[in-house]
Protein backbone atom coordinates (compact mmCIF):
# COMPACT_ATOMS: atom_id res chain seq x y z
CA UNK A 1 55.63 102.32 39.52
CA UNK A 2 58.95 103.48 38.02
CA UNK A 3 60.70 101.54 35.27
CA UNK A 4 63.86 100.05 36.77
CA UNK A 5 65.12 98.09 33.76
CA UNK A 6 68.43 99.97 33.88
CA UNK A 7 68.99 99.38 37.60
CA UNK A 8 72.60 98.60 38.48
CA UNK A 9 71.75 96.33 41.44
CA UNK A 10 69.09 94.27 43.16
CA UNK A 11 68.30 93.98 46.87
CA UNK A 12 68.11 90.44 48.22
CA UNK A 13 66.16 89.23 51.23
CA UNK A 14 68.20 89.51 54.43
CA UNK A 15 68.15 86.74 57.01
CA UNK A 16 67.79 89.19 59.89
CA UNK A 17 68.16 92.86 60.83
CA UNK A 18 69.78 91.92 64.15
CA UNK A 19 73.56 92.06 63.85
CA UNK A 20 74.21 89.12 66.18
CA UNK A 21 71.86 86.89 64.17
CA UNK A 22 73.54 88.00 60.94
CA UNK A 23 76.90 86.85 62.31
CA UNK A 24 75.30 83.57 63.46
CA UNK A 25 73.84 83.02 59.98
CA UNK A 26 77.28 83.63 58.49
CA UNK A 27 78.94 80.96 60.63
CA UNK A 28 76.12 78.45 60.10
CA UNK A 29 76.33 78.91 56.32
CA UNK A 30 80.12 78.77 56.49
CA UNK A 31 80.00 75.40 58.28
CA UNK A 32 77.44 74.02 55.80
CA UNK A 33 79.37 75.37 52.81
CA UNK A 34 82.73 73.98 53.95
CA UNK A 35 81.14 70.58 54.63
CA UNK A 36 79.54 70.46 51.17
CA UNK A 37 82.71 71.64 49.42
CA UNK A 38 84.94 69.21 51.35
CA UNK A 39 82.64 66.23 50.68
CA UNK A 40 82.38 66.87 46.95
CA UNK A 41 86.08 67.69 46.57
CA UNK A 42 87.04 64.43 48.30
CA UNK A 43 84.91 62.46 45.83
CA UNK A 44 86.45 64.32 42.86
CA UNK A 45 90.02 63.76 44.11
CA UNK A 46 89.40 60.12 45.07
CA UNK A 47 87.95 59.27 41.64
CA UNK A 48 90.71 61.16 39.83
CA UNK A 49 93.58 59.53 41.75
CA UNK A 50 92.37 55.95 42.28
CA UNK A 51 92.65 53.93 39.06
CA UNK A 52 90.16 51.37 40.47
CA UNK A 53 87.49 54.06 40.16
CA UNK A 54 88.20 54.86 36.51
CA UNK A 55 84.89 53.35 35.39
CA UNK A 56 81.80 54.96 33.81
CA UNK A 57 79.84 54.94 37.09
CA UNK A 58 82.52 56.88 38.97
CA UNK A 59 83.24 59.13 35.99
CA UNK A 60 79.63 60.31 36.10
CA UNK A 61 79.77 60.52 39.89
CA UNK A 62 82.77 62.86 39.58
CA UNK A 63 80.77 65.03 37.17
CA UNK A 64 77.88 65.05 39.64
CA UNK A 65 80.23 66.15 42.44
CA UNK A 66 81.60 68.95 40.23
CA UNK A 67 78.07 70.15 39.53
CA UNK A 68 77.07 69.98 43.21
CA UNK A 69 80.22 71.91 44.10
CA UNK A 70 79.21 74.59 41.60
CA UNK A 71 75.57 74.68 42.73
CA UNK A 72 76.38 75.31 46.37
CA UNK A 73 79.00 77.92 45.37
CA UNK A 74 76.60 79.98 43.24
CA UNK A 75 74.35 81.13 46.09
CA UNK A 76 75.85 80.42 49.52
CA UNK A 77 79.06 82.55 49.40
CA UNK A 78 77.10 85.66 48.37
CA UNK A 79 74.58 85.06 51.17
CA UNK A 80 77.48 84.66 53.62
CA UNK A 81 79.14 87.87 52.41
CA UNK A 82 75.87 89.83 52.72
CA UNK A 83 75.34 88.59 56.28
CA UNK A 84 78.91 89.39 57.28
CA UNK A 85 78.94 92.86 55.66
CA UNK A 86 75.39 93.73 56.75
CA UNK A 87 74.20 94.40 53.21
CA UNK A 88 71.50 93.08 50.88
CA UNK A 89 72.77 94.20 47.49
CA UNK A 90 73.83 92.17 44.48
CA UNK A 91 74.94 93.75 41.22
CA UNK A 92 72.83 93.38 38.09
CA UNK A 93 75.57 91.32 36.42
CA UNK A 94 75.95 89.24 39.59
CA UNK A 95 72.23 88.44 39.53
CA UNK A 96 72.42 87.49 35.84
CA UNK A 97 75.38 85.22 36.66
CA UNK A 98 73.47 83.53 39.48
CA UNK A 99 70.49 82.78 37.22
CA UNK A 100 72.75 81.55 34.41
CA UNK A 101 74.80 79.22 36.59
CA UNK A 102 71.80 77.96 38.58
CA UNK A 103 70.14 76.75 35.38
CA UNK A 104 73.39 75.54 33.83
CA UNK A 105 74.35 73.47 36.86
CA UNK A 106 70.83 72.41 37.83
CA UNK A 107 69.90 71.14 34.36
CA UNK A 108 73.29 69.46 33.88
CA UNK A 109 72.93 67.86 37.33
CA UNK A 110 69.61 66.23 36.41
CA UNK A 111 70.95 65.21 32.98
CA UNK A 112 73.93 63.47 34.63
CA UNK A 113 71.56 61.68 37.04
CA UNK A 114 69.54 60.49 34.03
CA UNK A 115 72.72 59.22 32.33
CA UNK A 116 73.71 57.45 35.55
CA UNK A 117 70.35 55.64 35.52
CA UNK A 118 71.09 54.50 31.95
CA UNK A 119 74.56 53.36 33.06
CA UNK A 120 73.08 51.24 35.87
CA UNK A 121 70.45 49.83 33.48
CA UNK A 122 73.09 48.69 30.99
CA UNK A 123 75.36 47.31 33.75
CA UNK A 124 72.61 45.16 35.30
CA UNK A 125 70.27 44.38 32.40
CA UNK A 126 72.89 44.02 29.63
CA UNK A 127 76.15 43.19 31.44
CA UNK A 128 77.72 41.40 28.46
CA UNK A 129 77.34 44.51 26.28
CA UNK A 130 78.34 46.99 29.00
CA UNK A 131 81.87 47.69 27.79
CA UNK A 132 80.67 47.99 24.20
CA UNK A 133 77.87 50.45 25.02
CA UNK A 134 79.49 52.42 27.85
CA UNK A 135 82.95 52.81 26.34
CA UNK A 136 85.15 55.81 27.15
CA UNK A 137 84.16 57.82 24.07
CA UNK A 138 80.43 57.32 24.69
CA UNK A 139 80.78 58.36 28.35
CA UNK A 140 82.65 61.55 27.42
CA UNK A 141 80.05 62.38 24.76
CA UNK A 142 77.16 61.86 27.20
CA UNK A 143 78.80 63.98 29.90
CA UNK A 144 79.64 66.70 27.37
CA UNK A 145 76.04 66.60 26.15
CA UNK A 146 74.79 67.13 29.72
CA UNK A 147 77.09 70.15 30.24
CA UNK A 148 76.28 71.65 26.81
CA UNK A 149 72.54 71.30 27.40
CA UNK A 150 73.04 73.05 30.75
CA UNK A 151 74.87 75.93 29.05
CA UNK A 152 72.05 76.20 26.51
CA UNK A 153 69.41 76.34 29.26
CA UNK A 154 71.48 78.83 31.24
CA UNK A 155 71.68 81.20 28.27
CA UNK A 156 68.00 80.70 27.44
CA UNK A 157 66.69 81.38 30.96
CA UNK A 158 69.03 84.23 31.86
CA UNK A 159 68.17 85.90 28.54
CA UNK A 160 64.43 85.32 29.04
CA UNK A 161 64.49 86.52 32.64
CA UNK A 162 66.44 89.74 32.13
CA UNK A 163 64.54 90.74 28.99
CA UNK A 164 61.76 91.64 31.45
CA UNK A 165 60.95 95.25 32.34
CA UNK A 166 61.29 95.58 36.12
CA UNK A 167 59.22 97.83 38.39
CA UNK A 168 61.20 97.02 41.53
CA UNK A 169 64.66 95.81 42.42
CA UNK A 170 63.72 94.09 45.72
CA UNK A 171 63.92 90.27 45.38
CA UNK A 172 62.05 88.32 48.07
CA UNK A 173 64.75 85.65 48.34
CA UNK A 174 68.37 85.41 49.53
CA UNK A 175 69.56 84.77 45.95
CA UNK A 176 68.32 85.64 42.46
CA UNK A 177 65.55 83.08 42.19
CA UNK A 178 63.69 83.31 38.87
CA UNK A 179 60.09 82.97 40.22
CA UNK A 180 60.80 85.88 42.61
CA UNK A 181 62.40 87.97 39.82
CA UNK A 182 59.36 87.38 37.59
CA UNK A 183 57.18 88.95 40.30
CA UNK A 184 59.01 92.26 39.70
CA UNK A 185 57.83 92.42 36.09
CA UNK A 186 55.96 95.45 34.71
CA UNK A 187 55.09 93.91 31.36
CA UNK A 188 53.83 90.69 29.78
CA UNK A 189 57.41 89.74 28.78
CA UNK A 190 57.55 87.56 31.90
CA UNK A 191 55.31 85.09 30.03
CA UNK A 192 58.29 84.18 27.83
CA UNK A 193 60.27 83.02 30.87
CA UNK A 194 57.20 81.27 32.31
CA UNK A 195 56.91 79.37 29.02
CA UNK A 196 60.59 78.41 29.18
CA UNK A 197 60.15 77.17 32.76
CA UNK A 198 57.12 75.07 31.76
CA UNK A 199 59.11 73.65 28.83
CA UNK A 200 61.99 72.83 31.18
CA UNK A 201 59.58 71.14 33.61
CA UNK A 202 58.27 68.90 30.82
CA UNK A 203 61.84 67.94 29.87
CA UNK A 204 62.60 67.25 33.54
CA UNK A 205 59.45 65.13 33.78
CA UNK A 206 60.59 63.19 30.71
CA UNK A 207 63.99 62.53 32.34
CA UNK A 208 62.28 61.46 35.57
CA UNK A 209 60.00 59.02 33.70
CA UNK A 210 63.09 57.62 31.92
CA UNK A 211 64.77 57.07 35.32
CA UNK A 212 61.66 55.37 36.74
CA UNK A 213 61.29 53.07 33.71
CA UNK A 214 65.00 52.21 33.90
CA UNK A 215 64.71 51.25 37.56
CA UNK A 216 61.58 49.18 37.02
CA UNK A 217 63.60 47.10 34.53
CA UNK A 218 66.64 47.09 36.85
CA UNK A 219 64.64 45.77 39.81
CA UNK A 220 63.02 43.15 37.59
CA UNK A 221 66.48 42.00 36.48
CA UNK A 222 67.79 42.00 40.07
CA UNK A 223 64.92 39.75 41.21
CA UNK A 224 65.98 37.23 38.56
CA UNK A 225 69.50 36.97 40.06
CA UNK A 226 69.59 33.56 41.83
CA UNK A 227 71.86 34.45 44.78
CA UNK A 228 70.96 36.89 47.56
CA UNK A 229 74.57 38.13 47.59
CA UNK A 230 74.33 38.96 43.88
CA UNK A 231 71.09 40.85 44.44
CA UNK A 232 72.61 42.87 47.28
CA UNK A 233 75.71 43.67 45.23
CA UNK A 234 73.60 44.89 42.29
CA UNK A 235 71.36 46.97 44.52
CA UNK A 236 74.33 48.51 46.36
CA UNK A 237 75.33 50.34 43.17
CA UNK A 238 71.76 51.54 42.53
CA UNK A 239 70.39 52.65 45.89
CA UNK A 240 72.72 55.66 46.36
CA UNK A 241 71.80 56.96 42.90
CA UNK A 242 68.10 56.37 43.48
CA UNK A 243 68.35 58.15 46.85
CA UNK A 244 70.07 61.18 45.27
CA UNK A 245 67.45 61.37 42.51
CA UNK A 246 64.65 61.14 45.08
CA UNK A 247 66.26 63.86 47.21
CA UNK A 248 66.58 66.23 44.25
CA UNK A 249 63.06 65.58 42.91
CA UNK A 250 61.29 65.72 46.27
CA UNK A 251 63.05 68.90 47.46
CA UNK A 252 62.36 70.64 44.14
CA UNK A 253 58.73 69.48 44.03
CA UNK A 254 58.20 70.37 47.70
CA UNK A 255 59.58 73.86 47.04
CA UNK A 256 57.70 74.76 43.87
CA UNK A 257 54.47 72.75 44.10
CA UNK A 258 53.42 73.93 47.56
CA UNK A 259 50.54 76.45 47.97
CA UNK A 260 52.02 79.97 47.87
CA UNK A 261 49.03 82.00 49.06
CA UNK A 262 49.98 81.93 52.75
CA UNK A 263 53.77 81.48 52.46
CA UNK A 264 55.88 84.01 54.36
CA UNK A 265 59.33 85.31 53.38
CA UNK A 266 60.91 83.21 56.12
CA UNK A 267 59.27 80.05 54.76
CA UNK A 268 60.46 80.94 51.24
CA UNK A 269 64.03 81.11 52.52
CA UNK A 270 63.73 77.76 54.35
CA UNK A 271 62.28 76.03 51.29
CA UNK A 272 65.00 77.54 49.07
CA UNK A 273 67.73 76.30 51.42
CA UNK A 274 66.18 72.82 51.28
CA UNK A 275 66.55 72.48 47.50
CA UNK A 276 69.66 74.65 46.94
CA UNK A 277 71.88 73.51 49.82
CA UNK A 278 70.61 70.12 50.98
CA UNK A 279 71.33 67.96 47.86
CA UNK A 280 74.97 69.16 47.39
CA UNK A 281 75.50 68.74 51.14
CA UNK A 282 74.07 65.22 51.46
CA UNK A 283 75.04 63.65 48.11
CA UNK A 284 78.69 62.90 49.09
CA UNK A 285 77.52 61.19 52.31
CA UNK A 286 74.85 59.19 50.49
CA UNK A 287 77.35 57.83 47.96
CA UNK A 288 80.20 57.21 50.39
CA UNK A 289 78.12 55.45 53.07
CA UNK A 290 76.90 52.57 50.87
CA UNK A 291 79.82 52.30 48.44
CA UNK A 292 82.70 50.10 49.59
CA UNK A 293 84.98 51.01 46.66
CA UNK A 294 84.55 54.72 47.30
CA UNK A 295 85.08 54.22 51.04
CA UNK A 296 88.32 52.37 50.33
CA UNK A 297 89.51 55.13 47.98
CA UNK A 298 88.72 57.80 50.58
CA UNK A 299 90.59 55.85 53.26
CA UNK A 300 93.57 55.57 50.92
CA UNK A 301 93.33 59.31 50.35
CA UNK A 302 93.38 60.02 54.10
CA UNK A 303 96.34 57.64 54.54
CA UNK A 304 98.12 59.37 51.66
CA UNK A 305 97.57 62.73 53.33
CA UNK A 306 98.93 61.38 56.62
CA UNK A 307 101.91 59.83 54.83
CA UNK A 308 102.63 63.12 53.02
CA UNK A 309 102.63 64.98 56.35
CA UNK A 310 105.15 62.49 57.80
CA UNK A 311 107.44 62.91 54.79
CA UNK A 312 107.12 66.70 54.97
CA UNK A 313 107.95 66.72 58.70
CA UNK A 314 110.98 64.46 58.16
CA UNK A 315 112.23 66.71 55.37
CA UNK A 316 111.80 69.74 57.61
CA UNK A 317 113.75 68.06 60.43
CA UNK A 318 116.57 67.12 58.07
CA UNK A 319 116.82 70.70 56.83
CA UNK A 320 116.84 72.08 60.37
CA UNK A 321 119.75 69.73 61.28
């Protein structure tokens, strides 16, 4: 097979060859994308504007929303554009960028979730020391550490992936997914990236074990709270986070740990959508449904928007008169 290391573009998997279905896919993805972007943006704006939410828990939640906003924006807009324009191509640099940002945002996302588990552990198990441990400087340092580690992983994996010699430029996925890119390899260099992925999986497993241990101690502390109301209040701040962690872990595990011998291209796309699109789409709803403070902030935000429209309309009427 020819050496295509110097190829200027890759060909992604199309959703359909039928033009009407391509247009349908575009509008479905557009609706999903706008919903995910709107949900995460509302959380970011609400936390930024409402001083009642200027606490470590909501600071990390804002970071999580930023990461989810980035994750859904890395893959979905390109897939939408390809469906609308009836093309499958992505430039070499565009593919490198997708791999880089997928690892940057994905690793940072899981790191923030791990930090949020630590935050809940300190808040419930060591409430008297909470302000001392989770002070503003410490929160900024932890968030910065999560983002920096994501950048490091992004550089590492994009460099390891595109050091490979390629024998084809046809990727069997609707975005530049590393396992599918590795399949195009002509040489043993792909083993470097496989090693990096295994290393990343061990780190992820370590973070997951840390989260589980934290929640075992959290639930033990909650059971010691004498009042049922106190238990419910403590759990109300933990269950959304635990649900988000479970969603991320189960979708990722379901995608990559399934038997691949009899998996079709269509199934690959469905599984990829589950772990790439579903968490950023559902996370804002999970947090807002069970969080009274966030609900209140979002209601204030909607009232503020309505109030701004009234003021704008009055100003317009005064100018017209």
